[in-house]
């Protein structure tokens, strides 16, 4: 008798409050590719990240924060994308990730053992590089495995067309590789746990 393994859930978190930001388009691209590889996907970007500041001493959660925590608990892989704000991640993305503290007593604490894809967007390469390094550090702090490929997007260059399609070959390669790495790692992990 074989055990049926469900498709892994890849959760995308990030971007800005602005709909169709570069980060949101990058996450949508990664999740579309992950879906083509057999994953289920969810995207939390734009208004979905307009959350109250995380306060551990206040147990009540807004509907949006409750959905975020629920998806973070359920997911098998995470892709985080942040704009480069003053040498690090944006407060919006950091606040969303602070809600993982609600998972500190779960059976799977934070993102323990999960693959985490990291993407940084900046109006220049230096800012994106610093933010990518910060995202990798956050992934480690949350007990996740940052994928070998990280994404850096210089948003001052033409990267996406008006439909949101990635038109930059180098960036598309990075995003496709991140999608493949998080999806394949999540599937391998599921297979090992089922064996």
Protein backbone atom coordinates (compact mmCIF):
# COMPACT_ATOMS: atom_id res chain seq x y z
CA UNK A 1 0.00 0.00 0.00
CA UNK A 2 1.52 3.31 -1.08
CA UNK A 3 1.11 6.55 0.83
CA UNK A 4 -0.24 9.41 -1.26
CA UNK A 5 1.87 12.52 -0.77
CA UNK A 6 0.12 15.84 -1.29
CA UNK A 7 1.69 18.47 -3.49
CA UNK A 8 3.95 20.74 -1.46
CA UNK A 9 2.71 24.23 -0.65
CA UNK A 10 5.11 26.99 -1.70
CA UNK A 11 4.30 30.28 0.01
CA UNK A 12 5.44 33.59 -1.46
CA UNK A 13 5.75 36.52 0.95
CA UNK A 14 6.84 40.05 0.08
CA UNK A 15 6.81 42.91 -2.31
CA UNK A 16 5.36 46.25 -1.30
CA UNK A 17 1.88 47.62 -0.63
CA UNK A 18 1.85 48.77 -4.25
CA UNK A 19 0.07 46.28 -6.48
CA UNK A 20 2.24 44.91 -9.29
CA UNK A 21 5.50 45.99 -7.68
CA UNK A 22 8.70 44.45 -9.04
CA UNK A 23 8.80 42.16 -6.01
CA UNK A 24 5.22 41.03 -6.47
CA UNK A 25 5.90 40.25 -10.13
CA UNK A 26 9.04 38.32 -9.18
CA UNK A 27 7.12 36.26 -6.61
CA UNK A 28 4.30 35.61 -9.09
CA UNK A 29 6.87 34.35 -11.62
CA UNK A 30 8.49 32.00 -9.08
CA UNK A 31 5.13 30.66 -7.89
CA UNK A 32 3.91 30.11 -11.46
CA UNK A 33 7.02 28.09 -12.22
CA UNK A 34 6.66 26.15 -8.93
CA UNK A 35 3.07 25.38 -9.89
CA UNK A 36 4.24 24.04 -13.26
CA UNK A 37 6.65 21.79 -11.35
CA UNK A 38 3.80 20.32 -9.29
CA UNK A 39 3.53 22.56 -6.23
CA UNK A 40 0.49 24.29 -4.79
CA UNK A 41 1.16 27.99 -4.29
CA UNK A 42 -0.07 30.98 -2.30
CA UNK A 43 1.04 34.59 -2.67
CA UNK A 44 0.88 37.12 0.16
CA UNK A 45 1.80 40.51 -1.22
CA UNK A 46 0.42 44.02 -1.51
CA UNK A 47 -2.53 44.67 0.81
CA UNK A 48 -2.27 41.14 2.27
CA UNK A 49 0.83 42.40 4.10
CA UNK A 50 -0.86 45.48 5.56
CA UNK A 51 -0.75 44.00 9.05
CA UNK A 52 -0.72 45.43 12.56
CA UNK A 53 2.78 45.70 13.99
CA UNK A 54 3.63 42.34 15.51
CA UNK A 55 3.15 42.38 19.29
CA UNK A 56 3.74 39.04 21.01
CA UNK A 57 1.97 40.18 24.16
CA UNK A 58 -1.31 40.66 22.25
CA UNK A 59 -2.69 37.20 21.37
CA UNK A 60 -5.53 38.41 19.13
CA UNK A 61 -4.72 38.47 15.42
CA UNK A 62 -6.39 40.35 12.60
CA UNK A 63 -7.97 38.24 9.87
CA UNK A 64 -5.02 38.96 7.55
CA UNK A 65 -2.44 38.13 10.24
CA UNK A 66 -4.30 34.93 11.14
CA UNK A 67 -4.25 33.87 7.47
CA UNK A 68 -0.52 34.65 7.23
CA UNK A 69 0.31 32.55 10.31
CA UNK A 70 -1.94 29.71 9.13
CA UNK A 71 -0.21 29.60 5.72
CA UNK A 72 3.24 29.82 7.31
CA UNK A 73 2.35 26.82 9.48
CA UNK A 74 1.03 24.83 6.51
CA UNK A 75 3.69 25.60 3.91
CA UNK A 76 6.45 23.25 2.79
CA UNK A 77 8.63 25.98 1.25
CA UNK A 78 8.82 29.76 1.38
CA UNK A 79 9.97 32.40 -1.08
CA UNK A 80 10.62 35.81 0.46
CA UNK A 81 11.07 38.93 -1.63
CA UNK A 82 11.94 42.30 -0.18
CA UNK A 83 12.69 45.69 -1.62
CA UNK A 84 16.03 47.08 -0.53
CA UNK A 85 15.32 49.71 2.11
CA UNK A 86 18.36 51.50 3.53
CA UNK A 87 20.66 48.50 3.40
CA UNK A 88 18.22 45.87 4.61
CA UNK A 89 14.72 44.44 4.22
CA UNK A 90 11.63 46.63 4.33
CA UNK A 91 9.69 47.05 7.55
CA UNK A 92 6.64 45.60 5.79
CA UNK A 93 8.40 42.30 5.02
CA UNK A 94 10.16 42.18 8.39
CA UNK A 95 6.86 42.71 10.22
CA UNK A 96 5.23 39.85 8.27
CA UNK A 97 8.13 37.56 9.16
CA UNK A 98 7.94 38.61 12.81
CA UNK A 99 4.59 36.79 12.94
CA UNK A 100 6.55 33.51 12.80
CA UNK A 101 7.04 34.07 16.52
CA UNK A 102 3.48 32.72 16.90
CA UNK A 103 5.04 29.40 15.79
CA UNK A 104 7.75 29.27 18.47
CA UNK A 105 6.07 26.41 20.34
CA UNK A 106 4.75 24.52 17.31
CA UNK A 107 5.89 20.98 16.55
CA UNK A 108 7.75 22.51 13.60
CA UNK A 109 9.21 25.70 15.05
CA UNK A 110 9.30 28.63 12.61
CA UNK A 111 10.43 27.32 9.19
CA UNK A 112 12.57 24.53 10.63
CA UNK A 113 13.98 22.42 7.80
CA UNK A 114 12.12 24.20 5.00
CA UNK A 115 13.72 25.51 1.81
CA UNK A 116 13.59 29.29 1.62
CA UNK A 117 14.13 31.19 -1.60
CA UNK A 118 15.35 34.76 -1.16
CA UNK A 119 14.90 37.61 -3.65
CA UNK A 120 15.95 41.23 -3.23
CA UNK A 121 14.86 44.14 -5.41
CA UNK A 122 16.63 47.48 -5.48
CA UNK A 123 17.20 50.46 -7.72
CA UNK A 124 20.81 49.33 -8.11
CA UNK A 125 22.95 46.25 -7.52
CA UNK A 126 24.59 47.27 -4.24
CA UNK A 127 21.30 47.70 -2.38
CA UNK A 128 19.95 44.40 -3.70
CA UNK A 129 23.13 42.57 -2.64
CA UNK A 130 22.93 43.84 0.94
CA UNK A 131 19.25 42.98 1.18
CA UNK A 132 19.79 39.48 -0.21
CA UNK A 133 22.43 38.88 2.48
CA UNK A 134 19.97 40.11 5.14
CA UNK A 135 17.25 37.78 3.82
CA UNK A 136 19.62 34.81 3.97
CA UNK A 137 20.47 35.67 7.58
CA UNK A 138 16.77 35.88 8.44
CA UNK A 139 16.16 32.50 6.76
CA UNK A 140 18.87 30.95 8.95
CA UNK A 141 17.44 32.60 12.08
CA UNK A 142 14.07 31.04 11.23
CA UNK A 143 15.81 27.62 10.97
CA UNK A 144 15.25 27.39 7.22
CA UNK A 145 17.58 26.38 4.39
CA UNK A 146 18.22 29.29 2.00
CA UNK A 147 18.35 27.95 -1.53
CA UNK A 148 21.76 27.95 -3.22
CA UNK A 149 20.39 30.39 -5.81
CA UNK A 150 19.31 33.77 -4.54
CA UNK A 151 17.73 36.45 -6.68
CA UNK A 152 18.87 40.03 -7.13
CA UNK A 153 16.81 42.38 -9.27
CA UNK A 154 17.93 45.84 -10.30
CA UNK A 155 14.53 47.47 -10.68
CA UNK A 156 15.99 50.47 -12.50
CA UNK A 157 16.40 48.19 -15.54
CA UNK A 158 13.57 46.76 -17.69
CA UNK A 159 12.86 43.39 -16.03
CA UNK A 160 9.11 42.81 -16.54
CA UNK A 161 6.83 43.83 -19.38
CA UNK A 162 3.39 45.40 -18.86
CA UNK A 163 1.79 41.94 -18.49
CA UNK A 164 4.27 41.01 -15.76
CA UNK A 165 6.34 38.64 -17.91
CA UNK A 166 10.04 38.57 -17.09
CA UNK A 167 11.90 39.87 -20.14
CA UNK A 168 15.41 39.76 -18.65
CA UNK A 169 17.06 36.40 -19.43
CA UNK A 170 19.44 36.54 -16.46
CA UNK A 171 16.70 37.40 -13.94
CA UNK A 172 14.38 34.77 -15.42
CA UNK A 173 17.12 32.17 -14.94
CA UNK A 174 17.51 33.18 -11.28
CA UNK A 175 13.76 33.09 -10.61
CA UNK A 176 13.26 29.76 -12.43
CA UNK A 177 16.17 28.24 -10.51
CA UNK A 178 14.78 29.42 -7.16
CA UNK A 179 11.39 27.91 -8.07
CA UNK A 180 13.00 24.60 -9.01
CA UNK A 181 15.15 24.48 -5.90
CA UNK A 182 12.39 25.20 -3.38
CA UNK A 183 9.96 22.83 -5.10
CA UNK A 184 12.41 19.94 -5.54
CA UNK A 185 13.72 20.30 -1.97
CA UNK A 186 10.16 20.35 -0.57
CA UNK A 187 9.21 17.26 -2.59
CA UNK A 188 12.36 15.41 -1.53
CA UNK A 189 11.70 16.28 2.11
CA UNK A 190 8.14 14.97 1.84
CA UNK A 191 9.36 11.73 0.28
CA UNK A 192 11.92 11.24 3.06
CA UNK A 193 9.32 11.85 5.75
CA UNK A 194 6.90 9.41 4.10
CA UNK A 195 9.51 6.64 3.79
